[in-house]
Full PDB file with SEQRES, HELIX, SHEET, SSBOND, CRYST1, ORIGX, SCALE, CONECT and MASTER records, all heavy atoms in Angstrom:
SEQRES   1 A   40  PRO GLY ALA VAL THR ALA HIS LEU HIS GLY LEU GLY LEU          
SEQRES   2 A   40  THR VAL PHE GLY VAL ASP LEU SER PRO GLY MET VAL ALA          
SEQRES   3 A   40  LEU ALA ARG ARG ALA HIS PRO ALA PRO ARG PHE HIS VAL          
SEQRES   4 A   40  GLY                                                          
HELIX    1 AA1 ALA A    3  GLY A   10  1                                   8    
HELIX    2 AA2 PRO A   22  ALA A   31  1                                  10    
SHEET    1 AA1 2 PHE A  16  ASP A  19  0                                        
SHEET    2 AA1 2 ARG A  36  VAL A  39  1                                        
CRYST1    1.000    1.000    1.000  90.00  90.00  90.00 P 1           1          
ORIGX1      1.000000  0.000000  0.000000        0.00000                         
ORIGX2      0.000000  1.000000  0.000000        0.00000                         
ORIGX3      0.000000  0.000000  1.000000        0.00000                         
SCALE1      1.000000  0.000000  0.000000        0.00000                         
SCALE2      0.000000  1.000000  0.000000        0.00000                         
SCALE3      0.000000  0.000000  1.000000        0.00000                         
ATOM      1  N   PRO A   1     -34.574   3.373 -14.496  1.00  0.00           N  
ATOM      2  CA  PRO A   1     -34.600   2.260 -13.557  1.00  0.00           C  
ATOM      3  C   PRO A   1     -35.998   1.865 -13.078  1.00  0.00           C  
ATOM      4  O   PRO A   1     -36.138   1.043 -12.186  1.00  0.00           O  
ATOM      5  CB  PRO A   1     -33.715   2.730 -12.406  1.00  0.00           C  
ATOM      6  CG  PRO A   1     -33.683   4.207 -12.502  1.00  0.00           C  
ATOM      7  CD  PRO A   1     -33.930   4.565 -13.947  1.00  0.00           C  
ATOM      8  N   GLY A   2     -37.046   2.436 -13.667  1.00  0.00           N  
ATOM      9  CA  GLY A   2     -38.391   1.899 -13.515  1.00  0.00           C  
ATOM     10  C   GLY A   2     -39.273   2.381 -12.393  1.00  0.00           C  
ATOM     11  O   GLY A   2     -40.363   1.846 -12.197  1.00  0.00           O  
ATOM     12  N   ALA A   3     -38.884   3.401 -11.657  1.00  0.00           N  
ATOM     13  CA  ALA A   3     -39.678   3.828 -10.505  1.00  0.00           C  
ATOM     14  C   ALA A   3     -41.067   4.327 -10.899  1.00  0.00           C  
ATOM     15  O   ALA A   3     -42.060   3.978 -10.249  1.00  0.00           O  
ATOM     16  CB  ALA A   3     -38.943   4.897  -9.713  1.00  0.00           C  
ATOM     17  N   VAL A   4     -41.152   5.134 -11.942  1.00  0.00           N  
ATOM     18  CA  VAL A   4     -42.462   5.659 -12.351  1.00  0.00           C  
ATOM     19  C   VAL A   4     -43.325   4.532 -12.901  1.00  0.00           C  
ATOM     20  O   VAL A   4     -44.508   4.433 -12.589  1.00  0.00           O  
ATOM     21  CB  VAL A   4     -42.314   6.812 -13.366  1.00  0.00           C  
ATOM     22  CG1 VAL A   4     -43.663   7.230 -13.923  1.00  0.00           C  
ATOM     23  CG2 VAL A   4     -41.616   8.002 -12.710  1.00  0.00           C  
ATOM     24  N   THR A   5     -42.726   3.648 -13.701  1.00  0.00           N  
ATOM     25  CA  THR A   5     -43.456   2.503 -14.238  1.00  0.00           C  
ATOM     26  C   THR A   5     -44.029   1.673 -13.086  1.00  0.00           C  
ATOM     27  O   THR A   5     -45.209   1.301 -13.102  1.00  0.00           O  
ATOM     28  CB  THR A   5     -42.532   1.631 -15.114  1.00  0.00           C  
ATOM     29  OG1 THR A   5     -41.860   2.439 -16.055  1.00  0.00           O  
ATOM     30  CG2 THR A   5     -43.318   0.540 -15.818  1.00  0.00           C  
ATOM     31  N   ALA A   6     -43.201   1.384 -12.100  1.00  0.00           N  
ATOM     32  CA  ALA A   6     -43.648   0.582 -10.955  1.00  0.00           C  
ATOM     33  C   ALA A   6     -44.744   1.299 -10.165  1.00  0.00           C  
ATOM     34  O   ALA A   6     -45.708   0.672  -9.709  1.00  0.00           O  
ATOM     35  CB  ALA A   6     -42.465   0.260 -10.048  1.00  0.00           C  
ATOM     36  N   HIS A   7     -44.609   2.606 -10.018  1.00  0.00           N  
ATOM     37  CA  HIS A   7     -45.620   3.376  -9.297  1.00  0.00           C  
ATOM     38  C   HIS A   7     -46.967   3.315 -10.031  1.00  0.00           C  
ATOM     39  O   HIS A   7     -48.009   3.094  -9.407  1.00  0.00           O  
ATOM     40  CB  HIS A   7     -45.149   4.822  -9.135  1.00  0.00           C  
ATOM     41  CG  HIS A   7     -46.060   5.678  -8.308  1.00  0.00           C  
ATOM     42  ND1 HIS A   7     -46.293   5.450  -6.970  1.00  0.00           N  
ATOM     43  CD2 HIS A   7     -46.815   6.754  -8.649  1.00  0.00           C  
ATOM     44  CE1 HIS A   7     -47.146   6.356  -6.509  1.00  0.00           C  
ATOM     45  NE2 HIS A   7     -47.475   7.159  -7.508  1.00  0.00           N  
ATOM     46  N   LEU A   8     -46.927   3.495 -11.348  1.00  0.00           N  
ATOM     47  CA  LEU A   8     -48.169   3.403 -12.141  1.00  0.00           C  
ATOM     48  C   LEU A   8     -48.763   2.002 -12.051  1.00  0.00           C  
ATOM     49  O   LEU A   8     -49.980   1.837 -11.951  1.00  0.00           O  
ATOM     50  CB  LEU A   8     -47.898   3.786 -13.592  1.00  0.00           C  
ATOM     51  CG  LEU A   8     -47.580   5.259 -13.829  1.00  0.00           C  
ATOM     52  CD1 LEU A   8     -47.064   5.481 -15.250  1.00  0.00           C  
ATOM     53  CD2 LEU A   8     -48.787   6.138 -13.546  1.00  0.00           C  
ATOM     54  N   HIS A   9     -47.909   0.988 -12.057  1.00  0.00           N  
ATOM     55  CA  HIS A   9     -48.389  -0.385 -11.898  1.00  0.00           C  
ATOM     56  C   HIS A   9     -49.070  -0.542 -10.534  1.00  0.00           C  
ATOM     57  O   HIS A   9     -50.140  -1.148 -10.428  1.00  0.00           O  
ATOM     58  CB  HIS A   9     -47.226  -1.371 -12.038  1.00  0.00           C  
ATOM     59  CG  HIS A   9     -47.631  -2.797 -11.893  1.00  0.00           C  
ATOM     60  ND1 HIS A   9     -47.621  -3.457 -10.692  1.00  0.00           N  
ATOM     61  CD2 HIS A   9     -48.088  -3.681 -12.809  1.00  0.00           C  
ATOM     62  CE1 HIS A   9     -48.038  -4.691 -10.863  1.00  0.00           C  
ATOM     63  NE2 HIS A   9     -48.334  -4.853 -12.147  1.00  0.00           N  
ATOM     64  N   GLY A  10     -48.454   0.033  -9.517  1.00  0.00           N  
ATOM     65  CA  GLY A  10     -49.040  -0.026  -8.173  1.00  0.00           C  
ATOM     66  C   GLY A  10     -50.372   0.695  -8.071  1.00  0.00           C  
ATOM     67  O   GLY A  10     -51.188   0.384  -7.194  1.00  0.00           O  
ATOM     68  N   LEU A  11     -50.604   1.658  -8.970  1.00  0.00           N  
ATOM     69  CA  LEU A  11     -51.888   2.365  -9.001  1.00  0.00           C  
ATOM     70  C   LEU A  11     -52.940   1.598  -9.819  1.00  0.00           C  
ATOM     71  O   LEU A  11     -54.038   2.099 -10.039  1.00  0.00           O  
ATOM     72  CB  LEU A  11     -51.697   3.775  -9.574  1.00  0.00           C  
ATOM     73  CG  LEU A  11     -50.857   4.718  -8.714  1.00  0.00           C  
ATOM     74  CD1 LEU A  11     -50.598   6.033  -9.455  1.00  0.00           C  
ATOM     75  CD2 LEU A  11     -51.527   4.977  -7.376  1.00  0.00           C  
ATOM     76  N   GLY A  12     -52.562   0.408 -10.288  1.00  0.00           N  
ATOM     77  CA  GLY A  12     -53.521  -0.455 -10.974  1.00  0.00           C  
ATOM     78  C   GLY A  12     -53.508  -0.397 -12.484  1.00  0.00           C  
ATOM     79  O   GLY A  12     -54.369  -1.001 -13.131  1.00  0.00           O  
ATOM     80  N   LEU A  13     -52.557   0.300 -13.079  1.00  0.00           N  
ATOM     81  CA  LEU A  13     -52.518   0.392 -14.533  1.00  0.00           C  
ATOM     82  C   LEU A  13     -51.746  -0.775 -15.140  1.00  0.00           C  
ATOM     83  O   LEU A  13     -50.820  -1.304 -14.526  1.00  0.00           O  
ATOM     84  CB  LEU A  13     -51.854   1.696 -14.974  1.00  0.00           C  
ATOM     85  CG  LEU A  13     -52.571   2.981 -14.581  1.00  0.00           C  
ATOM     86  CD1 LEU A  13     -51.778   4.186 -15.033  1.00  0.00           C  
ATOM     87  CD2 LEU A  13     -53.966   3.020 -15.171  1.00  0.00           C  
ATOM     88  N   THR A  14     -52.132  -1.149 -16.332  1.00  0.00           N  
ATOM     89  CA  THR A  14     -51.342  -2.080 -17.125  1.00  0.00           C  
ATOM     90  C   THR A  14     -50.294  -1.223 -17.812  1.00  0.00           C  
ATOM     91  O   THR A  14     -50.597  -0.474 -18.739  1.00  0.00           O  
ATOM     92  CB  THR A  14     -52.223  -2.793 -18.179  1.00  0.00           C  
ATOM     93  OG1 THR A  14     -53.281  -3.459 -17.503  1.00  0.00           O  
ATOM     94  CG2 THR A  14     -51.409  -3.772 -18.989  1.00  0.00           C  
ATOM     95  N   VAL A  15     -49.079  -1.274 -17.322  1.00  0.00           N  
ATOM     96  CA  VAL A  15     -48.031  -0.357 -17.772  1.00  0.00           C  
ATOM     97  C   VAL A  15     -46.771  -1.144 -18.109  1.00  0.00           C  
ATOM     98  O   VAL A  15     -46.512  -2.192 -17.521  1.00  0.00           O  
ATOM     99  CB  VAL A  15     -47.750   0.722 -16.688  1.00  0.00           C  
ATOM    100  CG1 VAL A  15     -47.261   0.106 -15.407  1.00  0.00           C  
ATOM    101  CG2 VAL A  15     -46.787   1.782 -17.182  1.00  0.00           C  
ATOM    102  N   PHE A  16     -46.039  -0.635 -19.074  1.00  0.00           N  
ATOM    103  CA  PHE A  16     -44.735  -1.206 -19.373  1.00  0.00           C  
ATOM    104  C   PHE A  16     -43.749  -0.068 -19.594  1.00  0.00           C  
ATOM    105  O   PHE A  16     -44.125   1.027 -20.004  1.00  0.00           O  
ATOM    106  CB  PHE A  16     -44.791  -2.140 -20.589  1.00  0.00           C  
ATOM    107  CG  PHE A  16     -45.181  -1.478 -21.873  1.00  0.00           C  
ATOM    108  CD1 PHE A  16     -44.223  -1.012 -22.762  1.00  0.00           C  
ATOM    109  CD2 PHE A  16     -46.522  -1.324 -22.198  1.00  0.00           C  
ATOM    110  CE1 PHE A  16     -44.596  -0.402 -23.950  1.00  0.00           C  
ATOM    111  CE2 PHE A  16     -46.907  -0.715 -23.385  1.00  0.00           C  
ATOM    112  CZ  PHE A  16     -45.938  -0.256 -24.261  1.00  0.00           C  
ATOM    113  N   GLY A  17     -42.482  -0.352 -19.287  1.00  0.00           N  
ATOM    114  CA  GLY A  17     -41.435   0.643 -19.460  1.00  0.00           C  
ATOM    115  C   GLY A  17     -40.580   0.317 -20.665  1.00  0.00           C  
ATOM    116  O   GLY A  17     -40.351  -0.852 -20.976  1.00  0.00           O  
ATOM    117  N   VAL A  18     -40.118   1.367 -21.331  1.00  0.00           N  
ATOM    118  CA  VAL A  18     -39.218   1.227 -22.478  1.00  0.00           C  
ATOM    119  C   VAL A  18     -38.044   2.163 -22.247  1.00  0.00           C  
ATOM    120  O   VAL A  18     -38.243   3.351 -21.965  1.00  0.00           O  
ATOM    121  CB  VAL A  18     -39.929   1.598 -23.803  1.00  0.00           C  
ATOM    122  CG1 VAL A  18     -38.958   1.498 -24.976  1.00  0.00           C  
ATOM    123  CG2 VAL A  18     -41.156   0.734 -24.031  1.00  0.00           C  
ATOM    124  N   ASP A  19     -36.834   1.624 -22.349  1.00  0.00           N  
ATOM    125  CA  ASP A  19     -35.652   2.454 -22.215  1.00  0.00           C  
ATOM    126  C   ASP A  19     -34.605   1.990 -23.222  1.00  0.00           C  
ATOM    127  O   ASP A  19     -34.525   0.808 -23.554  1.00  0.00           O  
ATOM    128  CB  ASP A  19     -35.079   2.390 -20.803  1.00  0.00           C  
ATOM    129  CG  ASP A  19     -34.176   3.577 -20.511  1.00  0.00           C  
ATOM    130  OD1 ASP A  19     -32.978   3.517 -20.855  1.00  0.00           O  
ATOM    131  OD2 ASP A  19     -34.687   4.578 -19.977  1.00  0.00           O  
ATOM    132  N   LEU A  20     -33.820   2.913 -23.699  1.00  0.00           N  
ATOM    133  CA  LEU A  20     -32.776   2.646 -24.677  1.00  0.00           C  
ATOM    134  C   LEU A  20     -31.644   1.808 -24.081  1.00  0.00           C  
ATOM    135  O   LEU A  20     -30.990   1.045 -24.774  1.00  0.00           O  
ATOM    136  CB  LEU A  20     -32.231   3.982 -25.202  1.00  0.00           C  
ATOM    137  CG  LEU A  20     -31.190   3.949 -26.298  1.00  0.00           C  
ATOM    138  CD1 LEU A  20     -31.779   3.338 -27.569  1.00  0.00           C  
ATOM    139  CD2 LEU A  20     -30.708   5.366 -26.588  1.00  0.00           C  
ATOM    140  N   SER A  21     -31.436   1.928 -22.780  1.00  0.00           N  
ATOM    141  CA  SER A  21     -30.299   1.309 -22.108  1.00  0.00           C  
ATOM    142  C   SER A  21     -30.621  -0.076 -21.557  1.00  0.00           C  
ATOM    143  O   SER A  21     -31.446  -0.201 -20.637  1.00  0.00           O  
ATOM    144  CB  SER A  21     -29.847   2.215 -20.955  1.00  0.00           C  
ATOM    145  OG  SER A  21     -29.013   1.534 -20.060  1.00  0.00           O  
ATOM    146  N   PRO A  22     -29.967  -1.132 -22.058  1.00  0.00           N  
ATOM    147  CA  PRO A  22     -30.160  -2.457 -21.466  1.00  0.00           C  
ATOM    148  C   PRO A  22     -29.781  -2.488 -19.985  1.00  0.00           C  
ATOM    149  O   PRO A  22     -30.394  -3.209 -19.198  1.00  0.00           O  
ATOM    150  CB  PRO A  22     -29.239  -3.366 -22.283  1.00  0.00           C  
ATOM    151  CG  PRO A  22     -29.085  -2.667 -23.594  1.00  0.00           C  
ATOM    152  CD  PRO A  22     -29.110  -1.191 -23.251  1.00  0.00           C  
ATOM    153  N   GLY A  23     -28.785  -1.684 -19.602  1.00  0.00           N  
ATOM    154  CA  GLY A  23     -28.398  -1.623 -18.192  1.00  0.00           C  
ATOM    155  C   GLY A  23     -29.512  -1.063 -17.322  1.00  0.00           C  
ATOM    156  O   GLY A  23     -29.790  -1.583 -16.231  1.00  0.00           O  
ATOM    157  N   MET A  24     -30.154   0.001 -17.768  1.00  0.00           N  
ATOM    158  CA  MET A  24     -31.282   0.568 -17.024  1.00  0.00           C  
ATOM    159  C   MET A  24     -32.439  -0.430 -16.966  1.00  0.00           C  
ATOM    160  O   MET A  24     -33.069  -0.596 -15.917  1.00  0.00           O  
ATOM    161  CB  MET A  24     -31.757   1.876 -17.664  1.00  0.00           C  
ATOM    162  CG  MET A  24     -30.819   3.029 -17.489  1.00  0.00           C  
ATOM    163  SD  MET A  24     -30.821   3.648 -15.790  1.00  0.00           S  
ATOM    164  CE  MET A  24     -29.933   5.186 -16.023  1.00  0.00           C  
ATOM    165  N   VAL A  25     -32.715  -1.096 -18.071  1.00  0.00           N  
ATOM    166  CA  VAL A  25     -33.809  -2.077 -18.104  1.00  0.00           C  
ATOM    167  C   VAL A  25     -33.513  -3.234 -17.145  1.00  0.00           C  
ATOM    168  O   VAL A  25     -34.399  -3.686 -16.411  1.00  0.00           O  
ATOM    169  CB  VAL A  25     -34.068  -2.562 -19.540  1.00  0.00           C  
ATOM    170  CG1 VAL A  25     -35.001  -3.767 -19.555  1.00  0.00           C  
ATOM    171  CG2 VAL A  25     -34.652  -1.429 -20.385  1.00  0.00           C  
ATOM    172  N   ALA A  26     -32.266  -3.697 -17.099  1.00  0.00           N  
ATOM    173  CA  ALA A  26     -31.910  -4.776 -16.176  1.00  0.00           C  
ATOM    174  C   ALA A  26     -32.133  -4.352 -14.726  1.00  0.00           C  
ATOM    175  O   ALA A  26     -32.677  -5.118 -13.916  1.00  0.00           O  
ATOM    176  CB  ALA A  26     -30.456  -5.200 -16.399  1.00  0.00           C  
ATOM    177  N   LEU A  27     -31.729  -3.123 -14.391  1.00  0.00           N  
ATOM    178  CA  LEU A  27     -31.952  -2.614 -13.034  1.00  0.00           C  
ATOM    179  C   LEU A  27     -33.442  -2.487 -12.740  1.00  0.00           C  
ATOM    180  O   LEU A  27     -33.894  -2.814 -11.632  1.00  0.00           O  
ATOM    181  CB  LEU A  27     -31.261  -1.259 -12.859  1.00  0.00           C  
ATOM    182  CG  LEU A  27     -29.735  -1.300 -12.815  1.00  0.00           C  
ATOM    183  CD1 LEU A  27     -29.156   0.099 -12.937  1.00  0.00           C  
ATOM    184  CD2 LEU A  27     -29.245  -1.980 -11.542  1.00  0.00           C  
ATOM    185  N   ALA A  28     -34.209  -2.025 -13.702  1.00  0.00           N  
ATOM    186  CA  ALA A  28     -35.661  -1.887 -13.513  1.00  0.00           C  
ATOM    187  C   ALA A  28     -36.299  -3.246 -13.275  1.00  0.00           C  
ATOM    188  O   ALA A  28     -37.132  -3.401 -12.378  1.00  0.00           O  
ATOM    189  CB  ALA A  28     -36.284  -1.200 -14.741  1.00  0.00           C  
ATOM    190  N   ARG A  29     -35.932  -4.231 -14.071  1.00  0.00           N  
ATOM    191  CA  ARG A  29     -36.508  -5.577 -13.915  1.00  0.00           C  
ATOM    192  C   ARG A  29     -36.168  -6.170 -12.550  1.00  0.00           C  
ATOM    193  O   ARG A  29     -36.998  -6.826 -11.931  1.00  0.00           O  
ATOM    194  CB  ARG A  29     -36.001  -6.492 -15.024  1.00  0.00           C  
ATOM    195  CG  ARG A  29     -36.612  -6.192 -16.368  1.00  0.00           C  
ATOM    196  CD  ARG A  29     -35.982  -7.054 -17.452  1.00  0.00           C  
ATOM    197  NE  ARG A  29     -36.624  -6.832 -18.738  1.00  0.00           N  
ATOM    198  CZ  ARG A  29     -36.062  -7.112 -19.895  1.00  0.00           C  
ATOM    199  NH1 ARG A  29     -34.842  -7.657 -19.931  1.00  0.00           N  
ATOM    200  NH2 ARG A  29     -36.711  -6.874 -21.017  1.00  0.00           N  
ATOM    201  N   ARG A  30     -34.936  -5.936 -12.099  1.00  0.00           N  
ATOM    202  CA  ARG A  30     -34.516  -6.483 -10.802  1.00  0.00           C  
ATOM    203  C   ARG A  30     -35.256  -5.793  -9.657  1.00  0.00           C  
ATOM    204  O   ARG A  30     -35.736  -6.429  -8.732  1.00  0.00           O  
ATOM    205  CB  ARG A  30     -32.998  -6.326 -10.655  1.00  0.00           C  
ATOM    206  CG  ARG A  30     -32.441  -7.038  -9.453  1.00  0.00           C  
ATOM    207  CD  ARG A  30     -30.916  -7.107  -9.399  1.00  0.00           C  
ATOM    208  NE  ARG A  30     -30.194  -6.002  -9.983  1.00  0.00           N  
ATOM    209  CZ  ARG A  30     -29.449  -6.087 -11.091  1.00  0.00           C  
ATOM    210  NH1 ARG A  30     -29.337  -7.221 -11.742  1.00  0.00           N  
ATOM    211  NH2 ARG A  30     -28.804  -5.022 -11.541  1.00  0.00           N  
ATOM    212  N   ALA A  31     -35.392  -4.468  -9.725  1.00  0.00           N  
ATOM    213  CA  ALA A  31     -36.034  -3.720  -8.638  1.00  0.00           C  
ATOM    214  C   ALA A  31     -37.553  -3.820  -8.666  1.00  0.00           C  
ATOM    215  O   ALA A  31     -38.193  -3.720  -7.620  1.00  0.00           O  
ATOM    216  CB  ALA A  31     -35.615  -2.245  -8.713  1.00  0.00           C  
ATOM    217  N   HIS A  32     -38.125  -4.012  -9.857  1.00  0.00           N  
ATOM    218  CA  HIS A  32     -39.587  -3.983 -10.015  1.00  0.00           C  
ATOM    219  C   HIS A  32     -40.021  -5.158 -10.904  1.00  0.00           C  
ATOM    220  O   HIS A  32     -40.245  -4.984 -12.105  1.00  0.00           O  
ATOM    221  CB  HIS A  32     -40.035  -2.658 -10.640  1.00  0.00           C  
ATOM    222  CG  HIS A  32     -39.416  -1.451  -9.999  1.00  0.00           C  
ATOM    223  ND1 HIS A  32     -39.770  -1.000  -8.744  1.00  0.00           N  
ATOM    224  CD2 HIS A  32     -38.445  -0.608 -10.435  1.00  0.00           C  
ATOM    225  CE1 HIS A  32     -39.056   0.062  -8.444  1.00  0.00           C  
ATOM    226  NE2 HIS A  32     -38.246   0.325  -9.444  1.00  0.00           N  
ATOM    227  N   PRO A  33     -40.141  -6.359 -10.330  1.00  0.00           N  
ATOM    228  CA  PRO A  33     -40.421  -7.525 -11.169  1.00  0.00           C  
ATOM    229  C   PRO A  33     -41.836  -7.594 -11.750  1.00  0.00           C  
ATOM    230  O   PRO A  33     -42.056  -8.309 -12.732  1.00  0.00           O  
ATOM    231  CB  PRO A  33     -40.165  -8.711 -10.230  1.00  0.00           C  
ATOM    232  CG  PRO A  33     -40.231  -8.156  -8.851  1.00  0.00           C  
ATOM    233  CD  PRO A  33     -39.882  -6.700  -8.943  1.00  0.00           C  
ATOM    234  N   ALA A  34     -42.781  -6.845 -11.222  1.00  0.00           N  
ATOM    235  CA  ALA A  34     -44.167  -6.981 -11.706  1.00  0.00           C  
ATOM    236  C   ALA A  34     -44.410  -6.340 -13.074  1.00  0.00           C  
ATOM    237  O   ALA A  34     -44.920  -7.001 -13.971  1.00  0.00           O  
ATOM    238  CB  ALA A  34     -45.155  -6.455 -10.670  1.00  0.00           C  
ATOM    239  N   PRO A  35     -44.073  -5.080 -13.295  1.00  0.00           N  
ATOM    240  CA  PRO A  35     -44.324  -4.529 -14.641  1.00  0.00           C  
ATOM    241  C   PRO A  35     -43.291  -5.055 -15.637  1.00  0.00           C  
ATOM    242  O   PRO A  35     -42.209  -5.503 -15.263  1.00  0.00           O  
ATOM    243  CB  PRO A  35     -44.193  -3.018 -14.459  1.00  0.00           C  
ATOM    244  CG  PRO A  35     -43.492  -2.805 -13.176  1.00  0.00           C  
ATOM    245  CD  PRO A  35     -43.624  -4.054 -12.361  1.00  0.00           C  
ATOM    246  N   ARG A  36     -43.649  -4.970 -16.914  1.00  0.00           N  
ATOM    247  CA  ARG A  36     -42.729  -5.383 -17.976  1.00  0.00           C  
ATOM    248  C   ARG A  36     -41.833  -4.205 -18.359  1.00  0.00           C  
ATOM    249  O   ARG A  36     -42.279  -3.058 -18.359  1.00  0.00           O  
ATOM    250  CB  ARG A  36     -43.502  -5.829 -19.225  1.00  0.00           C  
ATOM    251  CG  ARG A  36     -44.324  -7.073 -19.003  1.00  0.00           C  
ATOM    252  CD  ARG A  36     -45.168  -7.401 -20.229  1.00  0.00           C  
ATOM    253  NE  ARG A  36     -46.108  -6.300 -20.493  1.00  0.00           N  
ATOM    254  CZ  ARG A  36     -46.367  -5.790 -21.692  1.00  0.00           C  
ATOM    255  NH1 ARG A  36     -45.790  -6.261 -22.764  1.00  0.00           N  
ATOM    256  NH2 ARG A  36     -47.222  -4.798 -21.837  1.00  0.00           N  
ATOM    257  N   PHE A  37     -40.591  -4.517 -18.706  1.00  0.00           N  
ATOM    258  CA  PHE A  37     -39.637  -3.515 -19.184  1.00  0.00           C  
ATOM    259  C   PHE A  37     -38.993  -4.038 -20.455  1.00  0.00           C  
ATOM    260  O   PHE A  37     -38.659  -5.221 -20.549  1.00  0.00           O  
ATOM    261  CB  PHE A  37     -38.559  -3.228 -18.127  1.00  0.00           C  
ATOM    262  CG  PHE A  37     -39.098  -2.543 -16.915  1.00  0.00           C  
ATOM    263  CD1 PHE A  37     -39.500  -3.272 -15.811  1.00  0.00           C  
ATOM    264  CD2 PHE A  37     -39.225  -1.160 -16.884  1.00  0.00           C  
ATOM    265  CE1 PHE A  37     -40.020  -2.638 -14.692  1.00  0.00           C  
ATOM    266  CE2 PHE A  37     -39.735  -0.521 -15.762  1.00  0.00           C  
ATOM    267  CZ  PHE A  37     -40.140  -1.259 -14.667  1.00  0.00           C  
ATOM    268  N   HIS A  38     -38.826  -3.160 -21.431  1.00  0.00           N  
ATOM    269  CA  HIS A  38     -38.265  -3.532 -22.723  1.00  0.00           C  
ATOM    270  C   HIS A  38     -37.150  -2.569 -23.098  1.00  0.00           C  
ATOM    271  O   HIS A  38     -37.224  -1.377 -22.796  1.00  0.00           O  
ATOM    272  CB  HIS A  38     -39.336  -3.461 -23.820  1.00  0.00           C  
ATOM    273  CG  HIS A  38     -40.559  -4.255 -23.506  1.00  0.00           C  
ATOM    274  ND1 HIS A  38     -40.622  -5.611 -23.674  1.00  0.00           N  
ATOM    275  CD2 HIS A  38     -41.755  -3.875 -23.013  1.00  0.00           C  
ATOM    276  CE1 HIS A  38     -41.821  -6.038 -23.306  1.00  0.00           C  
ATOM    277  NE2 HIS A  38     -42.525  -5.009 -22.896  1.00  0.00           N  
ATOM    278  N   VAL A  39     -36.155  -3.101 -23.793  1.00  0.00           N  
ATOM    279  CA  VAL A  39     -35.128  -2.255 -24.389  1.00  0.00           C  
ATOM    280  C   VAL A  39     -35.690  -1.762 -25.714  1.00  0.00           C  
ATOM    281  O   VAL A  39     -36.162  -2.551 -26.535  1.00  0.00           O  
ATOM    282  CB  VAL A  39     -33.816  -3.035 -24.616  1.00  0.00           C  
ATOM    283  CG1 VAL A  39     -32.794  -2.167 -25.342  1.00  0.00           C  
ATOM    284  CG2 VAL A  39     -33.259  -3.535 -23.291  1.00  0.00           C  
ATOM    285  N   GLY A  40     -35.696  -0.457 -25.886  1.00  0.00           N  
ATOM    286  CA  GLY A  40     -36.223   0.114 -27.116  1.00  0.00           C  
ATOM    287  C   GLY A  40     -35.915   1.594 -27.169  1.00  0.00           C  
ATOM    288  O   GLY A  40     -35.346   2.160 -26.237  1.00  0.00           O  
TER     289      GLY A  40                                                      
MASTER        0    0    0    2    2    0    0    6  288    1    0    4          
END                                                                             
């Protein structure tokens, strides 16, 4: 659901998240709109 990705983004990194689950990616995108998330 993107918490670590969002935290790294907040620390100034260019970061993106990848998860196998489209459901998890949808939740991550909704909760953390700034970093990119991909299904993969």
